[in-house]
Structures are given as C-alpha cells and as structure tokens.
C-alpha cells in the first residue's frame, strides 16, 4: 500500500447535486425525513442559493430560494 499526497478529490455527481441543478427558485422537494433532506440542502447552498426546509404533513420539504445579496453602501 502506498500513501500519496496532493491527489485532488474527484467531484461526486450524486443524485442531490443533479436535482439541485435542475431546480428553479421556488421549486421544492419532499423527503420522508429531515436527515435525507440535508444532502439537497447542502447542494443548493453550494450553488449559491438559499435552502429553506420545513416539516410538513408527509415529511420534510426543501425549497430553493433566491440568495439575498446585502449591499454595504
């Protein structure tokens, strides 16, 4: 076994990344649990958007929300 340094970690295009990319602002996805929803929330945030989650009757829902840009004028 050989230990190697400075090998870049390959990007993993998991299902949440693909779903987040297809979502438009205002779209939402329903999950059976908040734990399962966390992956989508992370991917939405990585794309520069906000993700809002709420417990709903059938589980937990994540919405893709526009980012709020704060102007420091």
PDB file of N, CA and C in Angstrom:
ATOM      1  N   UNK A   1       0.850  -1.167   0.000  1.00  0.00           N
ATOM      2  CA  UNK A   1       0.000   0.000   0.000  1.00  0.00           C
ATOM      3  C   UNK A   1       0.895   1.230   0.000  1.00  0.00           C
ATOM      4  N   UNK A   2       0.558   2.203  -0.824  1.00  0.00           N
ATOM      5  CA  UNK A   2       1.356   3.420  -0.949  1.00  0.00           C
ATOM      6  C   UNK A   2       0.515   4.624  -0.554  1.00  0.00           C
ATOM      7  N   UNK A   3       1.035   5.442   0.327  1.00  0.00           N
ATOM      8  CA  UNK A   3       0.361   6.683   0.723  1.00  0.00           C
ATOM      9  C   UNK A   3       0.770   7.770  -0.257  1.00  0.00           C
ATOM     10  N   UNK A   4      -0.231   8.458  -0.815  1.00  0.00           N
ATOM     11  CA  UNK A   4       0.043   9.514  -1.786  1.00  0.00           C
ATOM     12  C   UNK A   4      -0.494  10.846  -1.274  1.00  0.00           C
ATOM     13  N   UNK A   5       0.194  11.902  -1.599  1.00  0.00           N
ATOM     14  CA  UNK A   5      -0.195  13.247  -1.181  1.00  0.00           C
ATOM     15  C   UNK A   5      -0.590  14.075  -2.399  1.00  0.00           C
ATOM     16  N   UNK A   6      -1.357  15.134  -2.143  1.00  0.00           N
ATOM     17  CA  UNK A   6      -1.738  16.113  -3.170  1.00  0.00           C
ATOM     18  C   UNK A   6      -2.520  15.520  -4.338  1.00  0.00           C
ATOM     19  N   UNK A   7      -3.313  14.490  -4.077  1.00  0.00           N
ATOM     20  CA  UNK A   7      -4.202  13.939  -5.095  1.00  0.00           C
ATOM     21  C   UNK A   7      -5.563  14.607  -4.895  1.00  0.00           C
ATOM     22  N   UNK A   8      -6.064  15.363  -5.902  1.00  0.00           N
ATOM     23  CA  UNK A   8      -7.345  16.059  -5.724  1.00  0.00           C
ATOM     24  C   UNK A   8      -8.510  15.069  -5.596  1.00  0.00           C
ATOM     25  N   UNK A   9      -9.428  15.425  -4.752  1.00  0.00           N
ATOM     26  CA  UNK A   9     -10.624  14.623  -4.552  1.00  0.00           C
ATOM     27  C   UNK A   9     -11.557  14.821  -5.743  1.00  0.00           C
ATOM     28  N   UNK A  10     -11.958  13.741  -6.373  1.00  0.00           N
ATOM     29  CA  UNK A  10     -12.845  13.817  -7.533  1.00  0.00           C
ATOM     30  C   UNK A  10     -14.231  14.266  -7.088  1.00  0.00           C
ATOM     31  N   UNK A  11     -14.866  15.073  -7.927  1.00  0.00           N
ATOM     32  CA  UNK A  11     -16.216  15.537  -7.650  1.00  0.00           C
ATOM     33  C   UNK A  11     -17.183  14.377  -7.855  1.00  0.00           C
ATOM     34  N   UNK A  12     -18.081  14.167  -6.908  1.00  0.00           N
ATOM     35  CA  UNK A  12     -19.057  13.090  -6.995  1.00  0.00           C
ATOM     36  C   UNK A  12     -20.408  13.656  -7.404  1.00  0.00           C
ATOM     37  N   UNK A  13     -20.862  13.384  -8.626  1.00  0.00           N
ATOM     38  CA  UNK A  13     -22.153  13.926  -9.072  1.00  0.00           C
ATOM     39  C   UNK A  13     -23.319  13.083  -8.560  1.00  0.00           C
ATOM     40  N   UNK A  14     -23.560  13.139  -7.270  1.00  0.00           N
ATOM     41  CA  UNK A  14     -24.631  12.358  -6.664  1.00  0.00           C
ATOM     42  C   UNK A  14     -26.005  12.854  -7.070  1.00  0.00           C
ATOM     43  N   UNK A  15     -27.032  12.133  -6.689  1.00  0.00           N
ATOM     44  CA  UNK A  15     -28.394  12.491  -7.106  1.00  0.00           C
ATOM     45  C   UNK A  15     -28.843  13.856  -6.591  1.00  0.00           C
ATOM     46  N   UNK A  16     -28.405  14.250  -5.391  1.00  0.00           N
ATOM     47  CA  UNK A  16     -28.822  15.549  -4.874  1.00  0.00           C
ATOM     48  C   UNK A  16     -28.225  16.699  -5.671  1.00  0.00           C
ATOM     49  N   UNK A  17     -26.997  16.527  -6.149  1.00  0.00           N
ATOM     50  CA  UNK A  17     -26.372  17.572  -6.958  1.00  0.00           C
ATOM     51  C   UNK A  17     -27.155  17.776  -8.249  1.00  0.00           C
ATOM     52  N   UNK A  18     -27.559  16.683  -8.876  1.00  0.00           N
ATOM     53  CA  UNK A  18     -28.311  16.768 -10.123  1.00  0.00           C
ATOM     54  C   UNK A  18     -29.689  17.392  -9.903  1.00  0.00           C
ATOM     55  N   UNK A  19     -30.351  17.013  -8.832  1.00  0.00           N
ATOM     56  CA  UNK A  19     -31.676  17.569  -8.527  1.00  0.00           C
ATOM     57  C   UNK A  19     -31.557  19.062  -8.245  1.00  0.00           C
ATOM     58  N   UNK A  20     -30.582  19.455  -7.450  1.00  0.00           N
ATOM     59  CA  UNK A  20     -30.398  20.876  -7.115  1.00  0.00           C
ATOM     60  C   UNK A  20     -30.137  21.703  -8.370  1.00  0.00           C
ATOM     61  N   UNK A  21     -29.384  21.154  -9.308  1.00  0.00           N
ATOM     62  CA  UNK A  21     -29.080  21.875 -10.545  1.00  0.00           C
ATOM     63  C   UNK A  21     -30.318  22.061 -11.412  1.00  0.00           C
ATOM     64  N   UNK A  22     -31.233  21.106 -11.374  1.00  0.00           N
ATOM     65  CA  UNK A  22     -32.452  21.186 -12.184  1.00  0.00           C
ATOM     66  C   UNK A  22     -33.517  22.079 -11.559  1.00  0.00           C
ATOM     67  N   UNK A  23     -33.420  22.300 -10.255  1.00  0.00           N
ATOM     68  CA  UNK A  23     -34.445  23.092  -9.561  1.00  0.00           C
ATOM     69  C   UNK A  23     -34.343  24.569  -9.930  1.00  0.00           C
ATOM     70  N   UNK A  24     -35.487  25.202 -10.030  1.00  0.00           N
ATOM     71  CA  UNK A  24     -35.558  26.655 -10.185  1.00  0.00           C
ATOM     72  C   UNK A  24     -35.956  27.252  -8.851  1.00  0.00           C
ATOM     73  N   UNK A  25     -35.710  28.533  -8.690  1.00  0.00           N
ATOM     74  CA  UNK A  25     -36.099  29.223  -7.465  1.00  0.00           C
ATOM     75  C   UNK A  25     -37.602  29.047  -7.266  1.00  0.00           C
ATOM     76  N   UNK A  26     -37.985  28.626  -6.064  1.00  0.00           N
ATOM     77  CA  UNK A  26     -39.392  28.389  -5.741  1.00  0.00           C
ATOM     78  C   UNK A  26     -39.781  26.920  -5.804  1.00  0.00           C
ATOM     79  N   UNK A  27     -38.970  26.100  -6.469  1.00  0.00           N
ATOM     80  CA  UNK A  27     -39.240  24.657  -6.524  1.00  0.00           C
ATOM     81  C   UNK A  27     -38.938  24.023  -5.171  1.00  0.00           C
ATOM     82  N   UNK A  28     -39.590  22.898  -4.894  1.00  0.00           N
ATOM     83  CA  UNK A  28     -39.344  22.192  -3.636  1.00  0.00           C
ATOM     84  C   UNK A  28     -39.360  20.688  -3.871  1.00  0.00           C
ATOM     85  N   UNK A  29     -38.772  19.967  -2.914  1.00  0.00           N
ATOM     86  CA  UNK A  29     -38.723  18.504  -2.957  1.00  0.00           C
ATOM     87  C   UNK A  29     -39.153  17.983  -1.589  1.00  0.00           C
ATOM     88  N   UNK A  30     -39.998  16.959  -1.590  1.00  0.00           N
ATOM     89  CA  UNK A  30     -40.471  16.347  -0.352  1.00  0.00           C
ATOM     90  C   UNK A  30     -39.629  15.120  -0.024  1.00  0.00           C
ATOM     91  N   UNK A  31     -39.168  15.033   1.225  1.00  0.00           N
ATOM     92  CA  UNK A  31     -38.404  13.889   1.720  1.00  0.00           C
ATOM     93  C   UNK A  31     -39.180  13.246   2.861  1.00  0.00           C
ATOM     94  N   UNK A  32     -38.866  11.988   3.128  1.00  0.00           N
ATOM     95  CA  UNK A  32     -39.516  11.281   4.234  1.00  0.00           C
ATOM     96  C   UNK A  32     -38.961  11.712   5.587  1.00  0.00           C
ATOM     97  N   UNK A  33     -37.739  12.255   5.583  1.00  0.00           N
ATOM     98  CA  UNK A  33     -37.149  12.695   6.852  1.00  0.00           C
ATOM     99  C   UNK A  33     -36.233  13.889   6.629  1.00  0.00           C
ATOM    100  N   UNK A  34     -36.007  14.631   7.684  1.00  0.00           N
ATOM    101  CA  UNK A  34     -35.122  15.781   7.626  1.00  0.00           C
ATOM    102  C   UNK A  34     -33.688  15.340   7.341  1.00  0.00           C
ATOM    103  N   UNK A  35     -33.299  14.191   7.848  1.00  0.00           N
ATOM    104  CA  UNK A  35     -31.947  13.674   7.622  1.00  0.00           C
ATOM    105  C   UNK A  35     -31.681  13.463   6.136  1.00  0.00           C
ATOM    106  N   UNK A  36     -32.633  12.884   5.425  1.00  0.00           N
ATOM    107  CA  UNK A  36     -32.475  12.660   3.988  1.00  0.00           C
ATOM    108  C   UNK A  36     -32.434  13.975   3.211  1.00  0.00           C
ATOM    109  N   UNK A  37     -33.086  14.994   3.716  1.00  0.00           N
ATOM    110  CA  UNK A  37     -33.159  16.283   3.036  1.00  0.00           C
ATOM    111  C   UNK A  37     -31.852  17.067   3.116  1.00  0.00           C
ATOM    112  N   UNK A  38     -31.005  16.760   4.082  1.00  0.00           N
ATOM    113  CA  UNK A  38     -29.787  17.540   4.302  1.00  0.00           C
ATOM    114  C   UNK A  38     -28.872  17.565   3.081  1.00  0.00           C
ATOM    115  N   UNK A  39     -28.771  16.472   2.353  1.00  0.00           N
ATOM    116  CA  UNK A  39     -27.903  16.437   1.179  1.00  0.00           C
ATOM    117  C   UNK A  39     -28.330  17.437   0.123  1.00  0.00           C
ATOM    118  N   UNK A  40     -29.629  17.544  -0.111  1.00  0.00           N
ATOM    119  CA  UNK A  40     -30.130  18.514  -1.087  1.00  0.00           C
ATOM    120  C   UNK A  40     -29.898  19.935  -0.590  1.00  0.00           C
ATOM    121  N   UNK A  41     -30.130  20.155   0.678  1.00  0.00           N
ATOM    122  CA  UNK A  41     -29.908  21.494   1.253  1.00  0.00           C
ATOM    123  C   UNK A  41     -28.461  21.937   1.023  1.00  0.00           C
ATOM    124  N   UNK A  42     -27.522  21.038   1.256  1.00  0.00           N
ATOM    125  CA  UNK A  42     -26.103  21.350   1.076  1.00  0.00           C
ATOM    126  C   UNK A  42     -25.791  21.673  -0.382  1.00  0.00           C
ATOM    127  N   UNK A  43     -26.324  20.888  -1.302  1.00  0.00           N
ATOM    128  CA  UNK A  43     -26.063  21.122  -2.722  1.00  0.00           C
ATOM    129  C   UNK A  43     -26.652  22.445  -3.206  1.00  0.00           C
ATOM    130  N   UNK A  44     -27.832  22.794  -2.732  1.00  0.00           N
ATOM    131  CA  UNK A  44     -28.443  24.076  -3.105  1.00  0.00           C
ATOM    132  C   UNK A  44     -27.555  25.217  -2.620  1.00  0.00           C
ATOM    133  N   UNK A  45     -27.057  25.126  -1.402  1.00  0.00           N
ATOM    134  CA  UNK A  45     -26.188  26.171  -0.850  1.00  0.00           C
ATOM    135  C   UNK A  45     -24.871  26.261  -1.615  1.00  0.00           C
ATOM    136  N   UNK A  46     -24.326  25.129  -2.044  1.00  0.00           N
ATOM    137  CA  UNK A  46     -23.084  25.133  -2.822  1.00  0.00           C
ATOM    138  C   UNK A  46     -23.257  25.855  -4.150  1.00  0.00           C
ATOM    139  N   UNK A  47     -24.469  25.890  -4.670  1.00  0.00           N
ATOM    140  CA  UNK A  47     -24.758  26.571  -5.926  1.00  0.00           C
ATOM    141  C   UNK A  47     -25.028  28.063  -5.731  1.00  0.00           C
ATOM    142  N   UNK A  48     -24.916  28.528  -4.482  1.00  0.00           N
ATOM    143  CA  UNK A  48     -25.080  29.950  -4.214  1.00  0.00           C
ATOM    144  C   UNK A  48     -26.499  30.390  -3.919  1.00  0.00           C
ATOM    145  N   UNK A  49     -27.377  29.452  -3.643  1.00  0.00           N
ATOM    146  CA  UNK A  49     -28.759  29.768  -3.315  1.00  0.00           C
ATOM    147  C   UNK A  49     -29.019  29.477  -1.841  1.00  0.00           C
ATOM    148  N   UNK A  50     -30.148  29.917  -1.366  1.00  0.00           N
ATOM    149  CA  UNK A  50     -30.587  29.566  -0.017  1.00  0.00           C
ATOM    150  C   UNK A  50     -31.499  28.365  -0.114  1.00  0.00           C
ATOM    151  N   UNK A  51     -31.488  27.542   0.918  1.00  0.00           N
ATOM    152  CA  UNK A  51     -32.391  26.402   1.011  1.00  0.00           C
ATOM    153  C   UNK A  51     -33.191  26.552   2.291  1.00  0.00           C
ATOM    154  N   UNK A  52     -34.499  26.448   2.169  1.00  0.00           N
ATOM    155  CA  UNK A  52     -35.376  26.558   3.329  1.00  0.00           C
ATOM    156  C   UNK A  52     -36.088  25.230   3.503  1.00  0.00           C
ATOM    157  N   UNK A  53     -36.073  24.713   4.716  1.00  0.00           N
ATOM    158  CA  UNK A  53     -36.716  23.439   4.998  1.00  0.00           C
ATOM    159  C   UNK A  53     -37.808  23.586   6.034  1.00  0.00           C
ATOM    160  N   UNK A  54     -38.869  22.834   5.854  1.00  0.00           N
ATOM    161  CA  UNK A  54     -39.988  22.848   6.803  1.00  0.00           C
ATOM    162  C   UNK A  54     -40.532  21.434   6.969  1.00  0.00           C
ATOM    163  N   UNK A  55     -40.932  21.121   8.184  1.00  0.00           N
ATOM    164  CA  UNK A  55     -41.654  19.885   8.434  1.00  0.00           C
ATOM    165  C   UNK A  55     -43.071  20.085   7.938  1.00  0.00           C
ATOM    166  N   UNK A  56     -43.526  19.160   7.107  1.00  0.00           N
ATOM    167  CA  UNK A  56     -44.874  19.217   6.551  1.00  0.00           C
ATOM    168  C   UNK A  56     -45.589  17.908   6.878  1.00  0.00           C
ATOM    169  N   UNK A  57     -46.838  17.823   6.506  1.00  0.00           N
ATOM    170  CA  UNK A  57     -47.666  16.670   6.870  1.00  0.00           C
ATOM    171  C   UNK A  57     -47.063  15.326   6.461  1.00  0.00           C
ATOM    172  N   UNK A  58     -46.474  15.251   5.270  1.00  0.00           N
ATOM    173  CA  UNK A  58     -45.971  13.968   4.767  1.00  0.00           C
ATOM    174  C   UNK A  58     -44.468  13.780   4.929  1.00  0.00           C
ATOM    175  N   UNK A  59     -43.788  14.688   5.639  1.00  0.00           N
ATOM    176  CA  UNK A  59     -42.340  14.551   5.805  1.00  0.00           C
ATOM    177  C   UNK A  59     -41.655  15.879   5.999  1.00  0.00           C
ATOM    178  N   UNK A  60     -40.625  16.109   5.204  1.00  0.00           N
ATOM    179  CA  UNK A  60     -39.829  17.331   5.305  1.00  0.00           C
ATOM    180  C   UNK A  60     -39.601  17.855   3.894  1.00  0.00           C
ATOM    181  N   UNK A  61     -39.866  19.143   3.686  1.00  0.00           N
ATOM    182  CA  UNK A  61     -39.776  19.740   2.348  1.00  0.00           C
ATOM    183  C   UNK A  61     -38.660  20.775   2.316  1.00  0.00           C
ATOM    184  N   UNK A  62     -37.874  20.745   1.219  1.00  0.00           N
ATOM    185  CA  UNK A  62     -36.805  21.714   0.983  1.00  0.00           C
ATOM    186  C   UNK A  62     -37.186  22.559  -0.224  1.00  0.00           C
ATOM    187  N   UNK A  63     -37.098  23.883  -0.060  1.00  0.00           N
ATOM    188  CA  UNK A  63     -37.332  24.831  -1.153  1.00  0.00           C
ATOM    189  C   UNK A  63     -36.011  25.468  -1.559  1.00  0.00           C
ATOM    190  N   UNK A  64     -35.867  25.737  -2.858  1.00  0.00           N
ATOM    191  CA  UNK A  64     -34.733  26.507  -3.370  1.00  0.00           C
ATOM    192  C   UNK A  64     -35.174  27.960  -3.419  1.00  0.00           C
ATOM    193  N   UNK A  65     -34.426  28.811  -2.744  1.00  0.00           N
ATOM    194  CA  UNK A  65     -34.802  30.214  -2.577  1.00  0.00           C
ATOM    195  C   UNK A  65     -33.669  31.093  -3.103  1.00  0.00           C
ATOM    196  N   UNK A  66     -34.019  32.222  -3.689  1.00  0.00           N
ATOM    197  CA  UNK A  66     -33.006  33.155  -4.205  1.00  0.00           C
ATOM    198  C   UNK A  66     -32.107  33.626  -3.066  1.00  0.00           C
ATOM    199  N   UNK A  67     -30.851  33.837  -3.396  1.00  0.00           N
ATOM    200  CA  UNK A  67     -29.911  34.366  -2.417  1.00  0.00           C
ATOM    201  C   UNK A  67     -30.224  35.821  -2.151  1.00  0.00           C
ATOM    202  N   UNK A  68     -29.968  36.223  -0.933  1.00  0.00           N
ATOM    203  CA  UNK A  68     -30.122  37.634  -0.561  1.00  0.00           C
ATOM    204  C   UNK A  68     -28.739  38.271  -0.611  1.00  0.00           C
ATOM    205  N   UNK A  69     -28.568  39.188  -1.503  1.00  0.00           N
ATOM    206  CA  UNK A  69     -27.295  39.897  -1.626  1.00  0.00           C
ATOM    207  C   UNK A  69     -27.402  41.177  -0.807  1.00  0.00           C
ATOM    208  N   UNK A  70     -26.507  41.342   0.146  1.00  0.00           N
ATOM    209  CA  UNK A  70     -26.527  42.521   1.006  1.00  0.00           C
ATOM    210  C   UNK A  70     -25.559  43.538   0.453  1.00  0.00           C
ATOM    211  N   UNK A  71     -26.046  44.743   0.216  1.00  0.00           N
ATOM    212  CA  UNK A  71     -25.219  45.830  -0.281  1.00  0.00           C
ATOM    213  C   UNK A  71     -24.708  46.643   0.907  1.00  0.00           C
ATOM    214  N   UNK A  72     -23.419  46.869   0.936  1.00  0.00           N
ATOM    215  CA  UNK A  72     -22.811  47.640   2.038  1.00  0.00           C
ATOM    216  C   UNK A  72     -22.445  49.027   1.542  1.00  0.00           C
ATOM    217  N   UNK A  73     -23.441  49.817   1.197  1.00  0.00           N
ATOM    218  CA  UNK A  73     -23.187  51.181   0.690  1.00  0.00           C
ATOM    219  C   UNK A  73     -23.288  52.197   1.790  1.00  0.00           C
TER     220      UNK A  73
END
